[in-house]
Amino acid sequence: TEQPKVANGASELMFEVFGEKGRHARAAVGVPA
């Protein structure tokens, strides 16, 4: 159930690179494959 923590890998990268322009809406979902 930690999909949001996994997705933070991409989210935090966008903030590192773009600053405030990198903050975004997001979906983080688990899938079977």
Full PDB file with SEQRES, HELIX, SHEET, SSBOND, CRYST1, ORIGX, SCALE, CONECT and MASTER records, all heavy atoms in Angstrom:
SEQRES   1 A   33  THR GLU GLN PRO LYS VAL ALA ASN GLY ALA SER GLU LEU          
SEQRES   2 A   33  MET PHE GLU VAL PHE GLY GLU LYS GLY ARG HIS ALA ARG          
SEQRES   3 A   33  ALA ALA VAL GLY VAL PRO ALA                                  
HELIX    1 AA1 GLN A    3  PHE A   18  1                                  16    
HELIX    2 AA2 GLY A   19  GLY A   22  5                                   4    
CRYST1    1.000    1.000    1.000  90.00  90.00  90.00 P 1           1          
ORIGX1      1.000000  0.000000  0.000000        0.00000                         
ORIGX2      0.000000  1.000000  0.000000        0.00000                         
ORIGX3      0.000000  0.000000  1.000000        0.00000                         
SCALE1      1.000000  0.000000  0.000000        0.00000                         
SCALE2      0.000000  1.000000  0.000000        0.00000                         
SCALE3      0.000000  0.000000  1.000000        0.00000                         
ATOM      1  N   THR A   1       0.814  -1.229   0.000  1.00  0.00           N  
ATOM      2  CA  THR A   1       0.000   0.000   0.000  1.00  0.00           C  
ATOM      3  C   THR A   1       0.843   1.274   0.000  1.00  0.00           C  
ATOM      4  O   THR A   1       0.335   2.348   0.299  1.00  0.00           O  
ATOM      5  CB  THR A   1      -0.933   0.019   1.223  1.00  0.00           C  
ATOM      6  OG1 THR A   1      -0.142  -0.047   2.417  1.00  0.00           O  
ATOM      7  CG2 THR A   1      -1.931  -1.134   1.174  1.00  0.00           C  
ATOM      8  N   GLU A   2       2.106   1.176  -0.382  1.00  0.00           N  
ATOM      9  CA  GLU A   2       2.977   2.350  -0.351  1.00  0.00           C  
ATOM     10  C   GLU A   2       3.238   2.929  -1.748  1.00  0.00           C  
ATOM     11  O   GLU A   2       4.283   3.526  -1.993  1.00  0.00           O  
ATOM     12  CB  GLU A   2       4.277   2.000   0.359  1.00  0.00           C  
ATOM     13  CG  GLU A   2       4.032   1.647   1.825  1.00  0.00           C  
ATOM     14  CD  GLU A   2       5.295   1.403   2.597  1.00  0.00           C  
ATOM     15  OE1 GLU A   2       6.073   0.504   2.200  1.00  0.00           O  
ATOM     16  OE2 GLU A   2       5.511   2.128   3.576  1.00  0.00           O  
ATOM     17  N   GLN A   3       2.256   2.782  -2.634  1.00  0.00           N  
ATOM     18  CA  GLN A   3       2.397   3.335  -3.978  1.00  0.00           C  
ATOM     19  C   GLN A   3       2.721   4.831  -3.958  1.00  0.00           C  
ATOM     20  O   GLN A   3       3.556   5.276  -4.756  1.00  0.00           O  
ATOM     21  CB  GLN A   3       1.134   3.068  -4.808  1.00  0.00           C  
ATOM     22  CG  GLN A   3       0.920   1.635  -5.193  1.00  0.00           C  
ATOM     23  CD  GLN A   3       0.215   0.817  -4.115  1.00  0.00           C  
ATOM     24  OE1 GLN A   3      -0.123   1.312  -3.049  1.00  0.00           O  
ATOM     25  NE2 GLN A   3      -0.026  -0.454  -4.414  1.00  0.00           N  
ATOM     26  N   PRO A   4       2.117   5.633  -3.054  1.00  0.00           N  
ATOM     27  CA  PRO A   4       2.476   7.056  -3.039  1.00  0.00           C  
ATOM     28  C   PRO A   4       3.954   7.297  -2.732  1.00  0.00           C  
ATOM     29  O   PRO A   4       4.562   8.202  -3.301  1.00  0.00           O  
ATOM     30  CB  PRO A   4       1.580   7.640  -1.940  1.00  0.00           C  
ATOM     31  CG  PRO A   4       0.395   6.722  -1.918  1.00  0.00           C  
ATOM     32  CD  PRO A   4       0.965   5.349  -2.172  1.00  0.00           C  
ATOM     33  N   LYS A   5       4.543   6.496  -1.859  1.00  0.00           N  
ATOM     34  CA  LYS A   5       5.970   6.644  -1.562  1.00  0.00           C  
ATOM     35  C   LYS A   5       6.817   6.290  -2.779  1.00  0.00           C  
ATOM     36  O   LYS A   5       7.819   6.940  -3.057  1.00  0.00           O  
ATOM     37  CB  LYS A   5       6.366   5.776  -0.372  1.00  0.00           C  
ATOM     38  CG  LYS A   5       5.809   6.268   0.940  1.00  0.00           C  
ATOM     39  CD  LYS A   5       6.241   5.369   2.079  1.00  0.00           C  
ATOM     40  CE  LYS A   5       5.644   5.837   3.392  1.00  0.00           C  
ATOM     41  NZ  LYS A   5       5.991   4.933   4.502  1.00  0.00           N  
ATOM     42  N   VAL A   6       6.420   5.264  -3.513  1.00  0.00           N  
ATOM     43  CA  VAL A   6       7.129   4.893  -4.742  1.00  0.00           C  
ATOM     44  C   VAL A   6       7.052   6.051  -5.729  1.00  0.00           C  
ATOM     45  O   VAL A   6       8.071   6.486  -6.283  1.00  0.00           O  
ATOM     46  CB  VAL A   6       6.546   3.603  -5.355  1.00  0.00           C  
ATOM     47  CG1 VAL A   6       7.136   3.336  -6.731  1.00  0.00           C  
ATOM     48  CG2 VAL A   6       6.773   2.414  -4.425  1.00  0.00           C  
ATOM     49  N   ALA A   7       5.860   6.584  -5.947  1.00  0.00           N  
ATOM     50  CA  ALA A   7       5.661   7.668  -6.912  1.00  0.00           C  
ATOM     51  C   ALA A   7       6.465   8.912  -6.556  1.00  0.00           C  
ATOM     52  O   ALA A   7       6.822   9.701  -7.441  1.00  0.00           O  
ATOM     53  CB  ALA A   7       4.180   8.003  -7.026  1.00  0.00           C  
ATOM     54  N   ASN A   8       6.786   9.086  -5.280  1.00  0.00           N  
ATOM     55  CA  ASN A   8       7.585  10.235  -4.872  1.00  0.00           C  
ATOM     56  C   ASN A   8       8.931  10.279  -5.590  1.00  0.00           C  
ATOM     57  O   ASN A   8       9.514  11.348  -5.750  1.00  0.00           O  
ATOM     58  CB  ASN A   8       7.823  10.238  -3.359  1.00  0.00           C  
ATOM     59  CG  ASN A   8       6.619  10.745  -2.597  1.00  0.00           C  
ATOM     60  OD1 ASN A   8       5.689  11.309  -3.161  1.00  0.00           O  
ATOM     61  ND2 ASN A   8       6.630  10.533  -1.292  1.00  0.00           N  
ATOM     62  N   GLY A   9       9.431   9.142  -6.041  1.00  0.00           N  
ATOM     63  CA  GLY A   9      10.687   9.137  -6.796  1.00  0.00           C  
ATOM     64  C   GLY A   9      10.615  10.035  -8.011  1.00  0.00           C  
ATOM     65  O   GLY A   9      11.548  10.803  -8.296  1.00  0.00           O  
ATOM     66  N   ALA A  10       9.500   9.976  -8.735  1.00  0.00           N  
ATOM     67  CA  ALA A  10       9.314  10.834  -9.911  1.00  0.00           C  
ATOM     68  C   ALA A  10       8.921  12.251  -9.496  1.00  0.00           C  
ATOM     69  O   ALA A  10       9.422  13.232 -10.053  1.00  0.00           O  
ATOM     70  CB  ALA A  10       8.263  10.241 -10.845  1.00  0.00           C  
ATOM     71  N   SER A  11       8.046  12.360  -8.518  1.00  0.00           N  
ATOM     72  CA  SER A  11       7.572  13.682  -8.082  1.00  0.00           C  
ATOM     73  C   SER A  11       8.702  14.541  -7.552  1.00  0.00           C  
ATOM     74  O   SER A  11       8.824  15.724  -7.900  1.00  0.00           O  
ATOM     75  CB  SER A  11       6.500  13.519  -7.003  1.00  0.00           C  
ATOM     76  OG  SER A  11       5.336  12.949  -7.544  1.00  0.00           O  
ATOM     77  N   GLU A  12       9.543  13.962  -6.706  1.00  0.00           N  
ATOM     78  CA  GLU A  12      10.641  14.737  -6.125  1.00  0.00           C  
ATOM     79  C   GLU A  12      11.666  15.139  -7.184  1.00  0.00           C  
ATOM     80  O   GLU A  12      12.255  16.218  -7.106  1.00  0.00           O  
ATOM     81  CB  GLU A  12      11.264  13.967  -4.974  1.00  0.00           C  
ATOM     82  CG  GLU A  12      10.305  13.889  -3.786  1.00  0.00           C  
ATOM     83  CD  GLU A  12      10.732  12.940  -2.681  1.00  0.00           C  
ATOM     84  OE1 GLU A  12      11.830  12.350  -2.770  1.00  0.00           O  
ATOM     85  OE2 GLU A  12       9.934  12.786  -1.730  1.00  0.00           O  
ATOM     86  N   LEU A  13      11.857  14.284  -8.193  1.00  0.00           N  
ATOM     87  CA  LEU A  13      12.745  14.647  -9.295  1.00  0.00           C  
ATOM     88  C   LEU A  13      12.237  15.904  -9.991  1.00  0.00           C  
ATOM     89  O   LEU A  13      13.009  16.826 -10.277  1.00  0.00           O  
ATOM     90  CB  LEU A  13      12.855  13.503 -10.308  1.00  0.00           C  
ATOM     91  CG  LEU A  13      13.577  13.870 -11.603  1.00  0.00           C  
ATOM     92  CD1 LEU A  13      15.075  14.034 -11.364  1.00  0.00           C  
ATOM     93  CD2 LEU A  13      13.303  12.852 -12.686  1.00  0.00           C  
ATOM     94  N   MET A  14      10.935  15.961 -10.276  1.00  0.00           N  
ATOM     95  CA  MET A  14      10.380  17.122 -10.982  1.00  0.00           C  
ATOM     96  C   MET A  14      10.563  18.397 -10.173  1.00  0.00           C  
ATOM     97  O   MET A  14      10.870  19.457 -10.722  1.00  0.00           O  
ATOM     98  CB  MET A  14       8.902  16.898 -11.315  1.00  0.00           C  
ATOM     99  CG  MET A  14       8.658  15.757 -12.274  1.00  0.00           C  
ATOM    100  SD  MET A  14       9.599  15.905 -13.816  1.00  0.00           S  
ATOM    101  CE  MET A  14       9.361  14.285 -14.514  1.00  0.00           C  
ATOM    102  N   PHE A  15      10.423  18.318  -8.842  1.00  0.00           N  
ATOM    103  CA  PHE A  15      10.634  19.489  -8.003  1.00  0.00           C  
ATOM    104  C   PHE A  15      12.115  19.871  -7.985  1.00  0.00           C  
ATOM    105  O   PHE A  15      12.457  21.051  -8.059  1.00  0.00           O  
ATOM    106  CB  PHE A  15      10.122  19.242  -6.594  1.00  0.00           C  
ATOM    107  CG  PHE A  15      10.311  20.432  -5.697  1.00  0.00           C  
ATOM    108  CD1 PHE A  15       9.603  21.602  -5.908  1.00  0.00           C  
ATOM    109  CD2 PHE A  15      11.212  20.382  -4.648  1.00  0.00           C  
ATOM    110  CE1 PHE A  15       9.793  22.716  -5.093  1.00  0.00           C  
ATOM    111  CE2 PHE A  15      11.414  21.486  -3.827  1.00  0.00           C  
ATOM    112  CZ  PHE A  15      10.699  22.651  -4.048  1.00  0.00           C  
ATOM    113  N   GLU A  16      13.008  18.885  -7.916  1.00  0.00           N  
ATOM    114  CA  GLU A  16      14.455  19.164  -7.948  1.00  0.00           C  
ATOM    115  C   GLU A  16      14.849  19.908  -9.215  1.00  0.00           C  
ATOM    116  O   GLU A  16      15.635  20.849  -9.180  1.00  0.00           O  
ATOM    117  CB  GLU A  16      15.259  17.861  -7.926  1.00  0.00           C  
ATOM    118  CG  GLU A  16      15.371  17.169  -6.613  1.00  0.00           C  
ATOM    119  CD  GLU A  16      16.141  15.859  -6.783  1.00  0.00           C  
ATOM    120  OE1 GLU A  16      17.254  15.886  -7.355  1.00  0.00           O  
ATOM    121  OE2 GLU A  16      15.612  14.823  -6.358  1.00  0.00           O  
ATOM    122  N   VAL A  17      14.297  19.457 -10.345  1.00  0.00           N  
ATOM    123  CA  VAL A  17      14.692  20.016 -11.639  1.00  0.00           C  
ATOM    124  C   VAL A  17      14.005  21.347 -11.925  1.00  0.00           C  
ATOM    125  O   VAL A  17      14.645  22.307 -12.358  1.00  0.00           O  
ATOM    126  CB  VAL A  17      14.413  19.005 -12.773  1.00  0.00           C  
ATOM    127  CG1 VAL A  17      14.633  19.632 -14.147  1.00  0.00           C  
ATOM    128  CG2 VAL A  17      15.273  17.756 -12.600  1.00  0.00           C  
ATOM    129  N   PHE A  18      12.701  21.429 -11.667  1.00  0.00           N  
ATOM    130  CA  PHE A  18      11.922  22.600 -12.079  1.00  0.00           C  
ATOM    131  C   PHE A  18      11.525  23.528 -10.940  1.00  0.00           C  
ATOM    132  O   PHE A  18      10.882  24.545 -11.191  1.00  0.00           O  
ATOM    133  CB  PHE A  18      10.656  22.148 -12.827  1.00  0.00           C  
ATOM    134  CG  PHE A  18      10.941  21.440 -14.111  1.00  0.00           C  
ATOM    135  CD1 PHE A  18      10.834  20.063 -14.198  1.00  0.00           C  
ATOM    136  CD2 PHE A  18      11.337  22.143 -15.240  1.00  0.00           C  
ATOM    137  CE1 PHE A  18      11.098  19.395 -15.381  1.00  0.00           C  
ATOM    138  CE2 PHE A  18      11.607  21.494 -16.427  1.00  0.00           C  
ATOM    139  CZ  PHE A  18      11.493  20.115 -16.504  1.00  0.00           C  
ATOM    140  N   GLY A  19      11.862  23.206  -9.713  1.00  0.00           N  
ATOM    141  CA  GLY A  19      11.439  24.031  -8.589  1.00  0.00           C  
ATOM    142  C   GLY A  19       9.922  24.013  -8.470  1.00  0.00           C  
ATOM    143  O   GLY A  19       9.282  22.984  -8.699  1.00  0.00           O  
ATOM    144  N   GLU A  20       9.341  25.150  -8.135  1.00  0.00           N  
ATOM    145  CA  GLU A  20       7.884  25.217  -7.928  1.00  0.00           C  
ATOM    146  C   GLU A  20       7.100  24.806  -9.180  1.00  0.00           C  
ATOM    147  O   GLU A  20       5.982  24.299  -9.067  1.00  0.00           O  
ATOM    148  CB  GLU A  20       7.457  26.615  -7.469  1.00  0.00           C  
ATOM    149  CG  GLU A  20       7.814  26.908  -6.026  1.00  0.00           C  
ATOM    150  CD  GLU A  20       7.195  25.914  -5.039  1.00  0.00           C  
ATOM    151  OE1 GLU A  20       5.998  25.607  -5.167  1.00  0.00           O  
ATOM    152  OE2 GLU A  20       7.921  25.459  -4.139  1.00  0.00           O  
ATOM    153  N   LYS A  21       7.678  25.020 -10.371  1.00  0.00           N  
ATOM    154  CA  LYS A  21       6.997  24.607 -11.598  1.00  0.00           C  
ATOM    155  C   LYS A  21       6.892  23.083 -11.691  1.00  0.00           C  
ATOM    156  O   LYS A  21       6.140  22.557 -12.497  1.00  0.00           O  
ATOM    157  CB  LYS A  21       7.729  25.138 -12.834  1.00  0.00           C  
ATOM    158  CG  LYS A  21       7.736  26.645 -12.939  1.00  0.00           C  
ATOM    159  CD  LYS A  21       8.292  27.130 -14.255  1.00  0.00           C  
ATOM    160  CE  LYS A  21       9.690  26.670 -14.524  1.00  0.00           C  
ATOM    161  NZ  LYS A  21      10.282  27.223 -15.757  1.00  0.00           N  
ATOM    162  N   GLY A  22       7.658  22.387 -10.862  1.00  0.00           N  
ATOM    163  CA  GLY A  22       7.640  20.928 -10.862  1.00  0.00           C  
ATOM    164  C   GLY A  22       6.594  20.326  -9.943  1.00  0.00           C  
ATOM    165  O   GLY A  22       6.365  19.122  -9.970  1.00  0.00           O  
ATOM    166  N   ARG A  23       5.938  21.152  -9.127  1.00  0.00           N  
ATOM    167  CA  ARG A  23       4.876  20.627  -8.247  1.00  0.00           C  
ATOM    168  C   ARG A  23       3.652  20.326  -9.107  1.00  0.00           C  
ATOM    169  O   ARG A  23       3.297  21.112  -9.976  1.00  0.00           O  
ATOM    170  CB  ARG A  23       4.539  21.631  -7.164  1.00  0.00           C  
ATOM    171  CG  ARG A  23       5.708  21.854  -6.225  1.00  0.00           C  
ATOM    172  CD  ARG A  23       5.235  22.127  -4.823  1.00  0.00           C  
ATOM    173  NE  ARG A  23       6.329  22.487  -3.958  1.00  0.00           N  
ATOM    174  CZ  ARG A  23       7.040  21.612  -3.254  1.00  0.00           C  
ATOM    175  NH1 ARG A  23       6.767  20.333  -3.326  1.00  0.00           N  
ATOM    176  NH2 ARG A  23       8.012  22.032  -2.471  1.00  0.00           N  
ATOM    177  N   HIS A  24       2.986  19.225  -8.830  1.00  0.00           N  
ATOM    178  CA  HIS A  24       1.955  18.739  -9.744  1.00  0.00           C  
ATOM    179  C   HIS A  24       0.879  17.951  -9.014  1.00  0.00           C  
ATOM    180  O   HIS A  24       1.067  17.519  -7.876  1.00  0.00           O  
ATOM    181  CB  HIS A  24       2.608  17.825 -10.790  1.00  0.00           C  
ATOM    182  CG  HIS A  24       3.433  16.756 -10.148  1.00  0.00           C  
ATOM    183  ND1 HIS A  24       4.772  16.952  -9.860  1.00  0.00           N  
ATOM    184  CD2 HIS A  24       3.125  15.520  -9.694  1.00  0.00           C  
ATOM    185  CE1 HIS A  24       5.244  15.866  -9.265  1.00  0.00           C  
ATOM    186  NE2 HIS A  24       4.276  14.982  -9.149  1.00  0.00           N  
ATOM    187  N   ALA A  25      -0.228  17.747  -9.712  1.00  0.00           N  
ATOM    188  CA  ALA A  25      -1.244  16.793  -9.266  1.00  0.00           C  
ATOM    189  C   ALA A  25      -0.724  15.402  -9.617  1.00  0.00           C  
ATOM    190  O   ALA A  25       0.170  15.256 -10.462  1.00  0.00           O  
ATOM    191  CB  ALA A  25      -2.567  17.072  -9.974  1.00  0.00           C  
ATOM    192  N   ARG A  26      -1.285  14.363  -8.963  1.00  0.00           N  
ATOM    193  CA  ARG A  26      -0.729  13.041  -9.213  1.00  0.00           C  
ATOM    194  C   ARG A  26      -1.728  11.945  -8.869  1.00  0.00           C  
ATOM    195  O   ARG A  26      -2.559  12.095  -7.995  1.00  0.00           O  
ATOM    196  CB  ARG A  26       0.523  12.867  -8.346  1.00  0.00           C  
ATOM    197  CG  ARG A  26       1.263  11.586  -8.647  1.00  0.00           C  
ATOM    198  CD  ARG A  26       2.458  11.430  -7.777  1.00  0.00           C  
ATOM    199  NE  ARG A  26       2.062  10.926  -6.460  1.00  0.00           N  
ATOM    200  CZ  ARG A  26       2.891  10.871  -5.432  1.00  0.00           C  
ATOM    201  NH1 ARG A  26       4.124  11.293  -5.529  1.00  0.00           N  
ATOM    202  NH2 ARG A  26       2.470  10.391  -4.292  1.00  0.00           N  
ATOM    203  N   ALA A  27      -1.579  10.832  -9.551  1.00  0.00           N  
ATOM    204  CA  ALA A  27      -2.244   9.585  -9.178  1.00  0.00           C  
ATOM    205  C   ALA A  27      -1.144   8.551  -8.955  1.00  0.00           C  
ATOM    206  O   ALA A  27      -0.143   8.545  -9.679  1.00  0.00           O  
ATOM    207  CB  ALA A  27      -3.183   9.120 -10.290  1.00  0.00           C  
ATOM    208  N   ALA A  28      -1.309   7.715  -7.946  1.00  0.00           N  
ATOM    209  CA  ALA A  28      -0.365   6.630  -7.674  1.00  0.00           C  
ATOM    210  C   ALA A  28      -1.200   5.390  -7.387  1.00  0.00           C  
ATOM    211  O   ALA A  28      -1.879   5.329  -6.362  1.00  0.00           O  
ATOM    212  CB  ALA A  28       0.537   6.970  -6.490  1.00  0.00           C  
ATOM    213  N   VAL A  29      -1.169   4.449  -8.310  1.00  0.00           N  
ATOM    214  CA  VAL A  29      -2.040   3.278  -8.183  1.00  0.00           C  
ATOM    215  C   VAL A  29      -1.253   1.984  -8.292  1.00  0.00           C  
ATOM    216  O   VAL A  29      -0.249   1.912  -9.002  1.00  0.00           O  
ATOM    217  CB  VAL A  29      -3.162   3.297  -9.252  1.00  0.00           C  
ATOM    218  CG1 VAL A  29      -4.063   4.503  -9.072  1.00  0.00           C  
ATOM    219  CG2 VAL A  29      -2.590   3.298 -10.652  1.00  0.00           C  
ATOM    220  N   GLY A  30      -1.727   0.989  -7.588  1.00  0.00           N  
ATOM    221  CA  GLY A  30      -1.150  -0.345  -7.691  1.00  0.00           C  
ATOM    222  C   GLY A  30      -1.839  -1.115  -8.797  1.00  0.00           C  
ATOM    223  O   GLY A  30      -3.054  -1.015  -8.968  1.00  0.00           O  
ATOM    224  N   VAL A  31      -1.046  -1.845  -9.552  1.00  0.00           N  
ATOM    225  CA  VAL A  31      -1.580  -2.658 -10.644  1.00  0.00           C  
ATOM    226  C   VAL A  31      -0.964  -4.053 -10.557  1.00  0.00           C  
ATOM    227  O   VAL A  31       0.134  -4.218 -10.022  1.00  0.00           O  
ATOM    228  CB  VAL A  31      -1.288  -2.022 -12.026  1.00  0.00           C  
ATOM    229  CG1 VAL A  31      -1.984  -0.673 -12.155  1.00  0.00           C  
ATOM    230  CG2 VAL A  31       0.200  -1.854 -12.261  1.00  0.00           C  
ATOM    231  N   PRO A  32      -1.654  -5.064 -11.085  1.00  0.00           N  
ATOM    232  CA  PRO A  32      -1.133  -6.432 -10.982  1.00  0.00           C  
ATOM    233  C   PRO A  32      -0.018  -6.767 -11.974  1.00  0.00           C  
ATOM    234  O   PRO A  32       0.698  -7.743 -11.785  1.00  0.00           O  
ATOM    235  CB  PRO A  32      -2.361  -7.296 -11.234  1.00  0.00           C  
ATOM    236  CG  PRO A  32      -3.261  -6.448 -12.066  1.00  0.00           C  
ATOM    237  CD  PRO A  32      -3.015  -5.035 -11.612  1.00  0.00           C  
ATOM    238  N   ALA A  33       0.141  -5.961 -13.031  1.00  0.00           N  
ATOM    239  CA  ALA A  33       1.187  -6.211 -14.029  1.00  0.00           C  
ATOM    240  C   ALA A  33       1.386  -4.948 -14.849  1.00  0.00           C  
ATOM    241  O   ALA A  33       0.483  -4.126 -14.986  1.00  0.00           O  
ATOM    242  CB  ALA A  33       0.793  -7.362 -14.948  1.00  0.00           C  
TER     243      ALA A  33                                                      
MASTER        0    0    0    2    0    0    0    6  242    1    0    3          
END                                                                             
